Amino acid sequence: MKLSEAFLWPGTKVCERLGVNPEGDGSLLRWMVNTLVYLVVSLLVVWMIMG
């Protein structure tokens, strides 16, 4: 698994679960899921550092 595949893994799994091709039609869905996942993770890290 390449590093880029590791970063895109959450969105890819959601697309596969919904039956959407993550490389084609589901690329926007994959992007949105990855953005939300990494936003939550980043906010938790910042909250833990600042808290």
Protein backbone atom coordinates (compact mmCIF):
# COMPACT_ATOMS: atom_id res chain seq x y z
CA MET A 1 0.00 0.00 0.00
CA LYS A 2 1.37 3.36 -1.03
CA LEU A 3 1.24 6.41 1.25
CA SER A 4 -1.37 8.10 -0.94
CA GLU A 5 -3.60 5.01 -0.73
CA ALA A 6 -3.24 5.04 3.05
CA PHE A 7 -4.43 8.65 3.25
CA LEU A 8 -7.40 7.96 0.98
CA TRP A 9 -8.36 4.72 2.75
CA PRO A 10 -11.34 6.00 4.82
CA GLY A 11 -13.11 7.53 1.83
CA THR A 12 -12.34 4.55 -0.37
CA LYS A 13 -13.88 2.14 2.13
CA VAL A 14 -17.04 4.26 2.44
CA CYS A 15 -17.40 4.38 -1.36
CA GLU A 16 -16.91 0.62 -1.63
CA ARG A 17 -19.53 0.06 1.08
CA LEU A 18 -22.01 2.25 -0.80
CA GLY A 19 -21.27 0.47 -4.07
CA VAL A 20 -19.73 3.52 -5.77
CA ASN A 21 -16.50 3.46 -7.77
CA PRO A 22 -14.07 5.61 -5.71
CA GLU A 23 -11.82 6.21 -8.72
CA GLY A 24 -14.60 7.44 -11.00
CA ASP A 25 -17.99 8.74 -9.95
CA GLY A 26 -17.32 8.58 -6.22
CA SER A 27 -14.20 10.72 -6.17
CA LEU A 28 -16.07 13.71 -4.77
CA LEU A 29 -17.71 11.52 -2.13
CA ARG A 30 -14.33 10.05 -1.24
CA TRP A 31 -12.86 13.54 -0.96
CA MET A 32 -15.69 14.70 1.32
CA VAL A 33 -15.39 11.69 3.64
CA ASN A 34 -11.63 12.06 3.87
CA THR A 35 -11.98 15.77 4.59
CA LEU A 36 -14.43 15.12 7.42
CA VAL A 37 -12.33 12.30 8.89
CA TYR A 38 -9.12 14.29 8.88
CA LEU A 39 -10.89 17.44 10.13
CA VAL A 40 -12.15 15.56 13.18
CA VAL A 41 -8.76 13.94 13.79
CA SER A 42 -6.97 17.30 13.46
CA LEU A 43 -9.39 19.05 15.79
CA LEU A 44 -8.98 16.30 18.39
CA VAL A 45 -5.19 16.58 18.19
CA VAL A 46 -5.30 20.37 18.55
CA TRP A 47 -7.77 20.08 21.43
CA MET A 48 -5.51 17.59 23.23
CA ILE A 49 -2.40 19.75 22.71
CA MET A 50 -4.08 22.98 23.76
CA GLY A 51 -6.11 21.44 26.61
